[in-house]
Amino acid sequence: SVKGELTDDWSAEVGFEIDSGDKGGKLGSENSTIFVDKAIISYKTDFGKLTAGYQKPAFVMEEYQSSKTQLCIEQSIATAYFTNLAGGSLAGRHGGVWWDGKVSGLKYGVAITNQYKEDMNKDQNDGVAFYGNLGYEFKNDSLKIEVGVNGVYNPGNDDEDAAVAGLAGAVYGLEPFAKISSGGFQAIVDGLYADGDDDV
């Protein structure tokens, strides 16, 4: 991954992974072993940051946070379900526009992305999905606590072969979470829930 400041307000980041199986946006043919992990450009203001490009939206914490901060070697079963199995298009890399802001300890973000992760050429990928997150951070000299919720709404489509989370209609997901850190100790607790219409 390479990132840098273009000006005082503009920044960019691009990253690739090699030999990563069928994940990510592949470069070249379907058999390519190189894919785009992230490609974004951001503009910072006094009120927040506007980002456009290709990255993971804020849903399923174990999926979107940096692997450098992962506490476990393998992802949980719930994360695997929402990123790789029936609920795969609710998380994972998407193309879109993001806005992230912070007011004192209150952090918030919204995003509008394509519907289906990673496969930008998918025939049914002509709609948009909506993401939002809200959190509050408490901290003192030795303890930091953050509580919040991530959410997603994907309008879906009428194609059963391209269903999201096993549902051909609209799908929504919620993820309440809490993070606690003190010194070298860190604990993260979250819950994942998704539901929608039109069972496949």
N, C-alpha and C. Protein backbone atom coordinates (compact mmCIF):
# COMPACT_ATOMS: atom_id res chain seq x y z
N SER A 1 0.84 -1.19 0.00
CA SER A 1 0.00 0.00 0.00
C SER A 1 0.88 1.24 0.00
N VAL A 2 0.51 2.21 -0.83
CA VAL A 2 1.25 3.47 -0.91
C VAL A 2 0.26 4.61 -0.67
N LYS A 3 0.59 5.51 0.23
CA LYS A 3 -0.27 6.66 0.47
C LYS A 3 0.59 7.89 0.69
N GLY A 4 -0.02 9.05 0.39
CA GLY A 4 0.74 10.27 0.54
C GLY A 4 -0.15 11.49 0.49
N GLU A 5 0.41 12.61 0.94
CA GLU A 5 -0.28 13.89 0.92
C GLU A 5 -0.01 14.57 -0.42
N LEU A 6 -1.06 14.90 -1.16
CA LEU A 6 -0.90 15.58 -2.43
C LEU A 6 -0.78 17.09 -2.24
N THR A 7 -1.60 17.62 -1.34
CA THR A 7 -1.52 19.02 -0.91
C THR A 7 -1.86 19.04 0.58
N ASP A 8 -2.08 20.21 1.14
CA ASP A 8 -2.46 20.29 2.55
C ASP A 8 -3.81 19.63 2.80
N ASP A 9 -4.69 19.63 1.79
CA ASP A 9 -6.04 19.11 1.95
C ASP A 9 -6.29 17.78 1.25
N TRP A 10 -5.54 17.50 0.20
CA TRP A 10 -5.77 16.30 -0.63
C TRP A 10 -4.76 15.21 -0.28
N SER A 11 -5.25 13.98 -0.27
CA SER A 11 -4.38 12.82 -0.07
C SER A 11 -4.89 11.66 -0.91
N ALA A 12 -4.05 10.66 -1.10
CA ALA A 12 -4.44 9.50 -1.91
C ALA A 12 -3.78 8.25 -1.36
N GLU A 13 -4.39 7.12 -1.63
CA GLU A 13 -3.84 5.83 -1.20
C GLU A 13 -4.22 4.77 -2.20
N VAL A 14 -3.28 3.91 -2.53
CA VAL A 14 -3.57 2.78 -3.41
C VAL A 14 -2.80 1.57 -2.91
N GLY A 15 -3.45 0.41 -2.94
CA GLY A 15 -2.80 -0.81 -2.46
C GLY A 15 -3.19 -2.00 -3.30
N PHE A 16 -2.28 -2.95 -3.43
CA PHE A 16 -2.51 -4.17 -4.21
C PHE A 16 -2.13 -5.38 -3.38
N GLU A 17 -2.72 -6.51 -3.69
CA GLU A 17 -2.31 -7.77 -3.10
C GLU A 17 -2.06 -8.77 -4.22
N ILE A 18 -1.14 -9.68 -3.96
CA ILE A 18 -0.73 -10.66 -4.97
C ILE A 18 -1.04 -12.06 -4.48
N ASP A 19 -1.53 -12.91 -5.40
CA ASP A 19 -1.83 -14.31 -5.11
C ASP A 19 -2.81 -14.42 -3.96
N SER A 20 -3.97 -13.79 -4.12
CA SER A 20 -4.94 -13.75 -3.04
C SER A 20 -6.22 -14.48 -3.40
N GLY A 21 -6.15 -15.43 -4.30
CA GLY A 21 -7.33 -16.21 -4.65
C GLY A 21 -8.35 -15.39 -5.40
N ASP A 22 -9.64 -15.54 -5.04
CA ASP A 22 -10.70 -14.89 -5.80
C ASP A 22 -11.22 -13.63 -5.13
N LYS A 23 -10.46 -13.05 -4.21
CA LYS A 23 -10.93 -11.86 -3.50
C LYS A 23 -10.43 -10.60 -4.20
N GLY A 24 -11.19 -9.53 -4.05
CA GLY A 24 -10.76 -8.24 -4.54
C GLY A 24 -11.07 -8.00 -5.99
N GLY A 25 -10.75 -6.79 -6.45
CA GLY A 25 -10.95 -6.42 -7.84
C GLY A 25 -9.76 -6.84 -8.66
N LYS A 26 -9.89 -7.85 -9.48
CA LYS A 26 -8.76 -8.41 -10.20
C LYS A 26 -8.26 -7.46 -11.29
N LEU A 27 -6.97 -7.50 -11.53
CA LEU A 27 -6.37 -6.76 -12.62
C LEU A 27 -6.15 -7.72 -13.78
N GLY A 28 -6.64 -7.35 -14.95
CA GLY A 28 -6.47 -8.22 -16.11
C GLY A 28 -7.50 -9.32 -16.17
N SER A 29 -7.07 -10.55 -16.46
CA SER A 29 -7.98 -11.67 -16.68
C SER A 29 -8.53 -12.22 -15.38
N GLU A 30 -9.51 -13.13 -15.51
CA GLU A 30 -10.09 -13.79 -14.33
C GLU A 30 -9.05 -14.61 -13.58
N ASN A 31 -7.99 -15.02 -14.28
CA ASN A 31 -6.95 -15.84 -13.65
C ASN A 31 -5.82 -15.01 -13.04
N SER A 32 -5.99 -13.69 -13.04
CA SER A 32 -4.96 -12.81 -12.50
C SER A 32 -4.77 -13.08 -11.01
N THR A 33 -3.52 -13.01 -10.54
CA THR A 33 -3.22 -13.19 -9.12
C THR A 33 -2.95 -11.85 -8.43
N ILE A 34 -3.23 -10.75 -9.11
CA ILE A 34 -3.05 -9.42 -8.54
C ILE A 34 -4.40 -8.73 -8.48
N PHE A 35 -4.74 -8.15 -7.33
CA PHE A 35 -6.00 -7.43 -7.26
C PHE A 35 -5.84 -6.14 -6.46
N VAL A 36 -6.78 -5.23 -6.69
CA VAL A 36 -6.76 -3.93 -6.02
C VAL A 36 -7.35 -4.10 -4.63
N ASP A 37 -6.59 -3.76 -3.61
CA ASP A 37 -7.06 -3.81 -2.24
C ASP A 37 -7.77 -2.50 -1.86
N LYS A 38 -7.21 -1.39 -2.29
CA LYS A 38 -7.79 -0.08 -2.00
C LYS A 38 -7.27 0.93 -3.02
N ALA A 39 -8.13 1.85 -3.44
CA ALA A 39 -7.72 2.94 -4.33
C ALA A 39 -8.64 4.12 -4.05
N ILE A 40 -8.14 5.10 -3.30
CA ILE A 40 -8.98 6.22 -2.87
C ILE A 40 -8.25 7.55 -3.00
N ILE A 41 -9.05 8.61 -3.10
CA ILE A 41 -8.54 9.97 -3.01
C ILE A 41 -9.43 10.71 -2.02
N SER A 42 -8.84 11.52 -1.14
CA SER A 42 -9.58 12.15 -0.05
C SER A 42 -9.31 13.65 0.01
N TYR A 43 -10.34 14.37 0.46
CA TYR A 43 -10.23 15.81 0.66
C TYR A 43 -10.63 16.12 2.09
N LYS A 44 -9.75 16.76 2.85
CA LYS A 44 -9.97 17.03 4.26
C LYS A 44 -10.42 18.48 4.45
N THR A 45 -11.47 18.66 5.26
CA THR A 45 -11.96 19.99 5.59
C THR A 45 -11.97 20.15 7.11
N ASP A 46 -12.39 21.31 7.58
CA ASP A 46 -12.49 21.55 9.01
C ASP A 46 -13.63 20.74 9.64
N PHE A 47 -14.54 20.24 8.80
CA PHE A 47 -15.72 19.55 9.30
C PHE A 47 -15.64 18.03 9.15
N GLY A 48 -14.74 17.55 8.30
CA GLY A 48 -14.63 16.12 8.09
C GLY A 48 -13.82 15.81 6.85
N LYS A 49 -13.94 14.58 6.39
CA LYS A 49 -13.16 14.13 5.24
C LYS A 49 -14.06 13.49 4.20
N LEU A 50 -13.91 13.93 2.96
CA LEU A 50 -14.64 13.36 1.82
C LEU A 50 -13.71 12.43 1.05
N THR A 51 -14.16 11.21 0.81
CA THR A 51 -13.34 10.20 0.13
C THR A 51 -14.11 9.59 -1.02
N ALA A 52 -13.44 9.39 -2.14
CA ALA A 52 -14.03 8.71 -3.29
C ALA A 52 -13.07 7.62 -3.75
N GLY A 53 -13.64 6.49 -4.20
CA GLY A 53 -12.79 5.41 -4.69
C GLY A 53 -13.31 4.04 -4.35
N TYR A 54 -12.39 3.16 -4.01
CA TYR A 54 -12.67 1.74 -3.83
C TYR A 54 -12.05 1.28 -2.53
N GLN A 55 -12.89 0.92 -1.54
CA GLN A 55 -12.39 0.48 -0.24
C GLN A 55 -13.51 -0.25 0.50
N LYS A 56 -13.24 -0.63 1.75
CA LYS A 56 -14.23 -1.34 2.55
C LYS A 56 -15.06 -0.33 3.36
N PRO A 57 -16.38 -0.39 3.26
CA PRO A 57 -17.21 0.48 4.08
C PRO A 57 -17.24 0.01 5.52
N ALA A 58 -17.76 0.85 6.42
CA ALA A 58 -17.77 0.55 7.85
C ALA A 58 -18.94 -0.36 8.22
N PHE A 59 -18.76 -1.64 7.90
CA PHE A 59 -19.71 -2.67 8.34
C PHE A 59 -18.95 -3.98 8.46
N VAL A 60 -19.11 -4.66 9.58
CA VAL A 60 -18.35 -5.86 9.97
C VAL A 60 -16.92 -5.43 10.34
N MET A 61 -16.75 -5.08 11.61
CA MET A 61 -15.50 -4.49 12.08
C MET A 61 -14.28 -5.34 11.79
N GLU A 62 -14.42 -6.63 11.96
CA GLU A 62 -13.28 -7.53 11.76
C GLU A 62 -12.83 -7.55 10.31
N GLU A 63 -13.72 -7.14 9.41
CA GLU A 63 -13.40 -7.09 7.99
C GLU A 63 -12.79 -5.75 7.59
N TYR A 64 -13.35 -4.63 8.06
CA TYR A 64 -12.89 -3.35 7.54
C TYR A 64 -11.72 -2.72 8.30
N GLN A 65 -11.45 -3.14 9.53
CA GLN A 65 -10.32 -2.55 10.22
C GLN A 65 -9.01 -3.17 9.72
N SER A 66 -7.93 -2.43 9.87
CA SER A 66 -6.63 -2.87 9.37
C SER A 66 -6.22 -4.20 9.98
N SER A 67 -5.61 -5.05 9.17
CA SER A 67 -5.13 -6.34 9.67
C SER A 67 -4.04 -6.16 10.72
N LYS A 68 -3.41 -4.99 10.76
CA LYS A 68 -2.38 -4.73 11.76
C LYS A 68 -2.97 -4.70 13.17
N THR A 69 -4.27 -4.41 13.26
CA THR A 69 -4.91 -4.32 14.58
C THR A 69 -5.74 -5.55 14.92
N GLN A 70 -5.71 -6.57 14.06
CA GLN A 70 -6.51 -7.77 14.31
C GLN A 70 -5.97 -8.51 15.53
N LEU A 71 -6.90 -8.97 16.36
CA LEU A 71 -6.51 -9.69 17.57
C LEU A 71 -6.40 -11.19 17.34
N CYS A 72 -7.04 -11.70 16.30
CA CYS A 72 -7.05 -13.14 16.02
C CYS A 72 -6.44 -13.41 14.66
N ILE A 73 -5.87 -14.60 14.50
CA ILE A 73 -5.27 -14.97 13.23
C ILE A 73 -6.34 -15.17 12.17
N GLU A 74 -7.43 -15.83 12.54
CA GLU A 74 -8.52 -16.11 11.61
C GLU A 74 -9.75 -15.27 11.95
N GLN A 75 -10.52 -14.92 10.93
CA GLN A 75 -11.76 -14.19 11.16
C GLN A 75 -12.82 -15.13 11.74
N SER A 76 -13.80 -14.54 12.40
CA SER A 76 -14.87 -15.33 13.01
C SER A 76 -15.81 -15.89 11.95
N ILE A 77 -16.64 -16.85 12.36
CA ILE A 77 -17.63 -17.43 11.45
C ILE A 77 -18.61 -16.37 10.99
N ALA A 78 -19.03 -15.48 11.90
CA ALA A 78 -19.97 -14.42 11.54
C ALA A 78 -19.37 -13.49 10.49
N THR A 79 -18.10 -13.13 10.65
CA THR A 79 -17.44 -12.27 9.66
C THR A 79 -17.36 -12.97 8.32
N ALA A 80 -17.03 -14.25 8.32
CA ALA A 80 -16.95 -15.01 7.07
C ALA A 80 -18.30 -15.04 6.36
N TYR A 81 -19.38 -15.16 7.12
CA TYR A 81 -20.72 -15.20 6.52
C TYR A 81 -21.03 -13.87 5.84
N PHE A 82 -20.75 -12.77 6.50
CA PHE A 82 -21.13 -11.47 5.96
C PHE A 82 -20.16 -10.96 4.89
N THR A 83 -19.00 -11.55 4.75
CA THR A 83 -18.05 -11.09 3.74
C THR A 83 -17.87 -12.05 2.58
N ASN A 84 -18.05 -13.34 2.82
CA ASN A 84 -17.75 -14.32 1.76
C ASN A 84 -18.90 -15.23 1.39
N LEU A 85 -19.90 -15.36 2.25
CA LEU A 85 -20.98 -16.30 1.97
C LEU A 85 -22.24 -15.55 1.56
N ALA A 86 -23.39 -15.95 2.04
CA ALA A 86 -24.66 -15.40 1.56
C ALA A 86 -24.78 -13.90 1.80
N GLY A 87 -24.19 -13.40 2.86
CA GLY A 87 -24.29 -11.98 3.15
C GLY A 87 -23.13 -11.17 2.61
N GLY A 88 -22.39 -11.75 1.67
CA GLY A 88 -21.14 -11.17 1.21
C GLY A 88 -21.18 -9.75 0.72
N SER A 89 -22.27 -9.34 0.08
CA SER A 89 -22.29 -8.00 -0.50
C SER A 89 -22.64 -6.91 0.49
N LEU A 90 -22.88 -7.27 1.75
CA LEU A 90 -23.09 -6.24 2.76
C LEU A 90 -21.76 -5.69 3.27
N ALA A 91 -20.69 -6.45 3.13
CA ALA A 91 -19.37 -6.01 3.56
C ALA A 91 -18.39 -6.17 2.39
N GLY A 92 -17.10 -6.03 2.66
CA GLY A 92 -16.12 -6.17 1.60
C GLY A 92 -15.92 -4.88 0.83
N ARG A 93 -15.06 -4.92 -0.18
CA ARG A 93 -14.68 -3.72 -0.92
C ARG A 93 -15.79 -3.27 -1.89
N HIS A 94 -16.05 -1.97 -1.87
CA HIS A 94 -17.05 -1.37 -2.77
C HIS A 94 -16.47 -0.08 -3.36
N GLY A 95 -17.02 0.31 -4.48
CA GLY A 95 -16.69 1.60 -5.06
C GLY A 95 -17.75 2.60 -4.65
N GLY A 96 -17.34 3.83 -4.27
CA GLY A 96 -18.33 4.80 -3.86
C GLY A 96 -17.74 6.08 -3.32
N VAL A 97 -18.58 6.79 -2.55
CA VAL A 97 -18.20 8.07 -1.95
C VAL A 97 -18.48 8.00 -0.45
N TRP A 98 -17.53 8.48 0.37
CA TRP A 98 -17.62 8.42 1.83
C TRP A 98 -17.48 9.82 2.43
N TRP A 99 -18.19 10.05 3.53
CA TRP A 99 -17.97 11.26 4.33
C TRP A 99 -17.81 10.83 5.78
N ASP A 100 -16.72 11.27 6.41
CA ASP A 100 -16.44 10.95 7.80
C ASP A 100 -16.16 12.24 8.57
N GLY A 101 -16.80 12.36 9.74
CA GLY A 101 -16.62 13.56 10.53
C GLY A 101 -16.50 13.24 12.01
N LYS A 102 -16.07 14.25 12.78
CA LYS A 102 -15.94 14.09 14.23
C LYS A 102 -16.21 15.43 14.90
N VAL A 103 -17.06 15.40 15.93
CA VAL A 103 -17.38 16.58 16.72
C VAL A 103 -17.14 16.21 18.18
N SER A 104 -16.08 16.76 18.78
CA SER A 104 -15.66 16.35 20.12
C SER A 104 -15.46 14.83 20.13
N GLY A 105 -16.17 14.10 20.99
CA GLY A 105 -16.01 12.65 21.02
C GLY A 105 -16.94 11.91 20.10
N LEU A 106 -17.83 12.62 19.40
CA LEU A 106 -18.81 11.99 18.52
C LEU A 106 -18.22 11.80 17.12
N LYS A 107 -18.21 10.55 16.65
CA LYS A 107 -17.71 10.23 15.32
C LYS A 107 -18.87 9.71 14.47
N TYR A 108 -18.90 10.11 13.20
CA TYR A 108 -19.99 9.67 12.32
C TYR A 108 -19.48 9.52 10.89
N GLY A 109 -20.21 8.76 10.10
CA GLY A 109 -19.85 8.59 8.70
C GLY A 109 -21.03 8.11 7.89
N VAL A 110 -21.04 8.47 6.61
CA VAL A 110 -22.06 7.98 5.67
C VAL A 110 -21.35 7.62 4.37
N ALA A 111 -21.95 6.72 3.62
CA ALA A 111 -21.36 6.31 2.34
C ALA A 111 -22.44 5.86 1.38
N ILE A 112 -22.21 6.12 0.10
CA ILE A 112 -23.05 5.60 -0.98
C ILE A 112 -22.13 4.82 -1.90
N THR A 113 -22.42 3.53 -2.11
CA THR A 113 -21.54 2.66 -2.89
C THR A 113 -22.33 1.86 -3.92
N ASN A 114 -21.59 1.11 -4.73
CA ASN A 114 -22.25 0.13 -5.60
C ASN A 114 -22.81 -1.00 -4.74
N GLN A 115 -23.73 -1.78 -5.28
CA GLN A 115 -24.43 -2.79 -4.48
C GLN A 115 -23.60 -4.03 -4.17
N TYR A 116 -22.79 -4.48 -5.12
CA TYR A 116 -22.13 -5.78 -4.97
C TYR A 116 -20.63 -5.62 -4.82
N LYS A 117 -20.09 -6.23 -3.80
CA LYS A 117 -18.67 -6.07 -3.52
C LYS A 117 -17.79 -6.62 -4.64
N GLU A 118 -16.70 -5.92 -4.91
CA GLU A 118 -15.57 -6.39 -5.70
C GLU A 118 -15.88 -6.60 -7.18
N ASP A 119 -17.01 -7.19 -7.54
CA ASP A 119 -17.30 -7.45 -8.94
C ASP A 119 -17.98 -6.24 -9.56
N MET A 120 -17.19 -5.29 -10.06
CA MET A 120 -17.74 -4.06 -10.61
C MET A 120 -18.45 -4.28 -11.94
N ASN A 121 -18.22 -5.42 -12.58
CA ASN A 121 -18.84 -5.70 -13.88
C ASN A 121 -20.10 -6.54 -13.77
N LYS A 122 -20.53 -6.83 -12.54
CA LYS A 122 -21.72 -7.66 -12.35
C LYS A 122 -22.92 -7.02 -13.04
N ASP A 123 -23.68 -7.81 -13.79
CA ASP A 123 -24.79 -7.27 -14.57
C ASP A 123 -25.81 -6.54 -13.71
N GLN A 124 -26.03 -7.03 -12.49
CA GLN A 124 -27.05 -6.44 -11.62
C GLN A 124 -26.49 -5.29 -10.78
N ASN A 125 -25.24 -4.91 -11.01
CA ASN A 125 -24.59 -3.91 -10.17
C ASN A 125 -24.88 -2.50 -10.66
N ASP A 126 -26.16 -2.19 -10.89
CA ASP A 126 -26.52 -0.87 -11.41
C ASP A 126 -27.24 -0.01 -10.38
N GLY A 127 -27.38 -0.50 -9.14
CA GLY A 127 -28.00 0.27 -8.07
C GLY A 127 -26.96 0.75 -7.08
N VAL A 128 -27.44 1.29 -5.96
CA VAL A 128 -26.52 1.77 -4.93
C VAL A 128 -26.91 1.21 -3.57
N ALA A 129 -25.95 1.14 -2.68
CA ALA A 129 -26.17 0.74 -1.28
C ALA A 129 -25.78 1.91 -0.39
N PHE A 130 -26.34 1.93 0.81
CA PHE A 130 -26.13 3.05 1.72
C PHE A 130 -25.57 2.55 3.05
N TYR A 131 -24.54 3.22 3.54
CA TYR A 131 -23.89 2.85 4.80
C TYR A 131 -23.88 4.05 5.74
N GLY A 132 -23.92 3.77 7.03
CA GLY A 132 -23.81 4.83 8.03
C GLY A 132 -23.21 4.29 9.31
N ASN A 133 -22.51 5.12 10.02
CA ASN A 133 -21.94 4.71 11.31
C ASN A 133 -21.92 5.90 12.27
N LEU A 134 -22.11 5.58 13.56
CA LEU A 134 -22.16 6.60 14.59
C LEU A 134 -21.51 6.03 15.84
N GLY A 135 -20.62 6.79 16.46
CA GLY A 135 -19.95 6.31 17.65
C GLY A 135 -19.55 7.45 18.57
N TYR A 136 -19.31 7.12 19.82
CA TYR A 136 -18.85 8.14 20.78
C TYR A 136 -17.66 7.56 21.55
N GLU A 137 -16.65 8.39 21.72
CA GLU A 137 -15.40 7.96 22.35
C GLU A 137 -15.20 8.69 23.67
N PHE A 138 -14.98 7.90 24.71
CA PHE A 138 -14.64 8.43 26.03
C PHE A 138 -13.18 8.07 26.30
N LYS A 139 -12.40 9.00 26.81
CA LYS A 139 -11.02 8.65 27.11
C LYS A 139 -10.45 9.55 28.20
N ASN A 140 -9.51 8.95 28.97
CA ASN A 140 -8.72 9.70 29.92
C ASN A 140 -7.27 9.27 29.76
N ASP A 141 -6.44 9.51 30.74
CA ASP A 141 -5.01 9.23 30.59
C ASP A 141 -4.71 7.75 30.39
N SER A 142 -5.53 6.86 30.92
CA SER A 142 -5.19 5.44 30.89
C SER A 142 -6.25 4.55 30.23
N LEU A 143 -7.40 5.09 29.90
CA LEU A 143 -8.49 4.26 29.40
C LEU A 143 -9.21 4.95 28.24
N LYS A 144 -9.53 4.16 27.22
CA LYS A 144 -10.31 4.68 26.10
C LYS A 144 -11.45 3.70 25.81
N ILE A 145 -12.67 4.23 25.72
CA ILE A 145 -13.85 3.42 25.42
C ILE A 145 -14.60 4.07 24.26
N GLU A 146 -14.95 3.26 23.29
CA GLU A 146 -15.77 3.74 22.18
C GLU A 146 -16.98 2.81 22.02
N VAL A 147 -18.15 3.39 21.93
CA VAL A 147 -19.37 2.62 21.68
C VAL A 147 -20.06 3.22 20.46
N GLY A 148 -20.74 2.37 19.69
CA GLY A 148 -21.39 2.89 18.50
C GLY A 148 -22.15 1.82 17.75
N VAL A 149 -22.55 2.18 16.54
CA VAL A 149 -23.29 1.25 15.69
C VAL A 149 -22.97 1.53 14.23
N ASN A 150 -22.79 0.47 13.46
CA ASN A 150 -22.65 0.55 12.00
C ASN A 150 -23.92 0.02 11.36
N GLY A 151 -24.28 0.56 10.21
CA GLY A 151 -25.48 0.10 9.54
C GLY A 151 -25.34 0.11 8.03
N VAL A 152 -26.15 -0.70 7.35
CA VAL A 152 -26.15 -0.75 5.89
C VAL A 152 -27.56 -1.02 5.40
N TYR A 153 -27.90 -0.41 4.27
CA TYR A 153 -29.16 -0.69 3.59
C TYR A 153 -28.85 -0.92 2.12
N ASN A 154 -29.19 -2.12 1.63
CA ASN A 154 -28.97 -2.47 0.23
C ASN A 154 -30.32 -2.76 -0.40
N PRO A 155 -30.77 -1.93 -1.36
CA PRO A 155 -32.10 -2.11 -1.96
C PRO A 155 -32.29 -3.45 -2.65
N GLY A 156 -31.20 -4.14 -3.00
CA GLY A 156 -31.32 -5.45 -3.64
C GLY A 156 -31.86 -5.36 -5.05
N ASN A 157 -32.40 -6.47 -5.54
CA ASN A 157 -32.94 -6.53 -6.89
C ASN A 157 -33.87 -7.73 -6.98
N ASP A 158 -34.40 -7.97 -8.15
CA ASP A 158 -35.34 -9.07 -8.33
C ASP A 158 -34.69 -10.32 -8.90
N ASP A 159 -33.36 -10.34 -8.94
CA ASP A 159 -32.65 -11.47 -9.54
C ASP A 159 -32.20 -12.42 -8.43
N GLU A 160 -32.80 -13.61 -8.36
CA GLU A 160 -32.46 -14.55 -7.29
C GLU A 160 -31.02 -15.03 -7.39
N ASP A 161 -30.45 -15.00 -8.60
CA ASP A 161 -29.07 -15.45 -8.76
C ASP A 161 -28.07 -14.41 -8.24
N ALA A 162 -28.55 -13.21 -7.94
CA ALA A 162 -27.66 -12.16 -7.44
C ALA A 162 -28.17 -11.64 -6.11
N ALA A 163 -28.75 -12.51 -5.31
CA ALA A 163 -29.34 -12.11 -4.04
C ALA A 163 -28.27 -11.67 -3.05
N VAL A 164 -28.67 -10.79 -2.14
CA VAL A 164 -27.81 -10.34 -1.06
C VAL A 164 -28.30 -10.99 0.23
N ALA A 165 -27.40 -11.67 0.92
CA ALA A 165 -27.75 -12.33 2.19
C ALA A 165 -28.91 -13.30 2.03
N GLY A 166 -29.00 -13.97 0.86
CA GLY A 166 -30.06 -14.94 0.63
C GLY A 166 -31.42 -14.32 0.41
N LEU A 167 -31.45 -13.00 0.17
CA LEU A 167 -32.71 -12.28 -0.02
C LEU A 167 -32.64 -11.49 -1.32
N ALA A 168 -33.65 -11.63 -2.16
CA ALA A 168 -33.63 -10.96 -3.45
C ALA A 168 -34.09 -9.52 -3.36
N GLY A 169 -34.79 -9.16 -2.28
CA GLY A 169 -35.27 -7.80 -2.12
C GLY A 169 -34.33 -6.96 -1.28
N ALA A 170 -34.89 -5.91 -0.67
CA ALA A 170 -34.09 -5.01 0.15
C ALA A 170 -33.54 -5.72 1.39
N VAL A 171 -32.32 -5.38 1.76
CA VAL A 171 -31.64 -5.99 2.90
C VAL A 171 -31.04 -4.88 3.76
N TYR A 172 -31.13 -5.03 5.07
CA TYR A 172 -30.47 -4.07 5.96
C TYR A 172 -29.67 -4.84 7.01
N GLY A 173 -28.63 -4.20 7.51
CA GLY A 173 -27.80 -4.81 8.53
C GLY A 173 -27.43 -3.81 9.61
N LEU A 174 -27.28 -4.29 10.85
CA LEU A 174 -26.88 -3.46 11.98
C LEU A 174 -25.75 -4.14 12.74
N GLU A 175 -24.84 -3.33 13.25
CA GLU A 175 -23.70 -3.86 13.99
C GLU A 175 -23.38 -2.93 15.18
N PRO A 176 -24.00 -3.15 16.34
CA PRO A 176 -23.58 -2.40 17.53
C PRO A 176 -22.22 -2.91 18.00
N PHE A 177 -21.40 -2.02 18.55
CA PHE A 177 -20.06 -2.43 18.97
C PHE A 177 -19.58 -1.61 20.16
N ALA A 178 -18.55 -2.15 20.80
CA ALA A 178 -17.85 -1.44 21.89
C ALA A 178 -16.38 -1.82 21.82
N LYS A 179 -15.51 -0.82 22.00
CA LYS A 179 -14.07 -1.03 22.04
C LYS A 179 -13.54 -0.48 23.36
N ILE A 180 -12.68 -1.25 24.00
CA ILE A 180 -12.06 -0.83 25.26
C ILE A 180 -10.56 -1.06 25.15
N SER A 181 -9.78 -0.04 25.45
CA SER A 181 -8.32 -0.20 25.42
C SER A 181 -7.69 0.54 26.58
N SER A 182 -6.67 -0.08 27.13
CA SER A 182 -5.94 0.51 28.24
C SER A 182 -4.54 -0.07 28.24
N GLY A 183 -3.54 0.77 28.03
CA GLY A 183 -2.18 0.27 27.94
C GLY A 183 -2.05 -0.71 26.78
N GLY A 184 -1.57 -1.93 27.07
CA GLY A 184 -1.45 -2.95 26.04
C GLY A 184 -2.68 -3.83 25.90
N PHE A 185 -3.73 -3.52 26.67
CA PHE A 185 -4.95 -4.33 26.63
C PHE A 185 -5.97 -3.72 25.67
N GLN A 186 -6.61 -4.58 24.88
CA GLN A 186 -7.68 -4.14 23.98
C GLN A 186 -8.75 -5.21 23.88
N ALA A 187 -10.00 -4.79 23.97
CA ALA A 187 -11.12 -5.71 23.80
C ALA A 187 -12.13 -5.08 22.86
N ILE A 188 -12.68 -5.89 21.96
CA ILE A 188 -13.68 -5.44 21.01
C ILE A 188 -14.87 -6.40 21.06
N VAL A 189 -16.05 -5.87 21.23
CA VAL A 189 -17.27 -6.67 21.24
C VAL A 189 -18.23 -6.08 20.21
N ASP A 190 -18.78 -6.92 19.36
CA ASP A 190 -19.77 -6.44 18.40
C ASP A 190 -20.79 -7.53 18.13
N GLY A 191 -21.91 -7.14 17.58
CA GLY A 191 -22.95 -8.08 17.18
C GLY A 191 -23.41 -7.76 15.78
N LEU A 192 -23.75 -8.78 15.01
CA LEU A 192 -24.16 -8.59 13.62
C LEU A 192 -25.57 -9.10 13.40
N TYR A 193 -26.37 -8.30 12.73
CA TYR A 193 -27.75 -8.68 12.44
C TYR A 193 -28.12 -8.19 11.04
N ALA A 194 -28.79 -9.03 10.28
CA ALA A 194 -29.27 -8.64 8.95
C ALA A 194 -30.63 -9.26 8.69
N ASP A 195 -31.45 -8.55 7.97
CA ASP A 195 -32.77 -9.05 7.60
C ASP A 195 -33.22 -8.33 6.34
N GLY A 196 -34.33 -8.77 5.77
CA GLY A 196 -34.81 -8.13 4.56
C GLY A 196 -36.06 -8.80 4.04
N ASP A 197 -36.29 -8.66 2.74
CA ASP A 197 -37.53 -9.14 2.11
C ASP A 197 -37.24 -10.18 1.04
N ASP A 198 -38.27 -10.92 0.68
CA ASP A 198 -38.26 -11.84 -0.47
C ASP A 198 -37.24 -12.95 -0.31
N ASP A 199 -37.53 -13.92 0.52
CA ASP A 199 -36.64 -15.07 0.67
C ASP A 199 -36.45 -15.77 -0.66
N VAL A 200 -35.17 -16.14 -0.92
CA VAL A 200 -34.87 -16.87 -2.15
C VAL A 200 -35.14 -18.35 -1.93
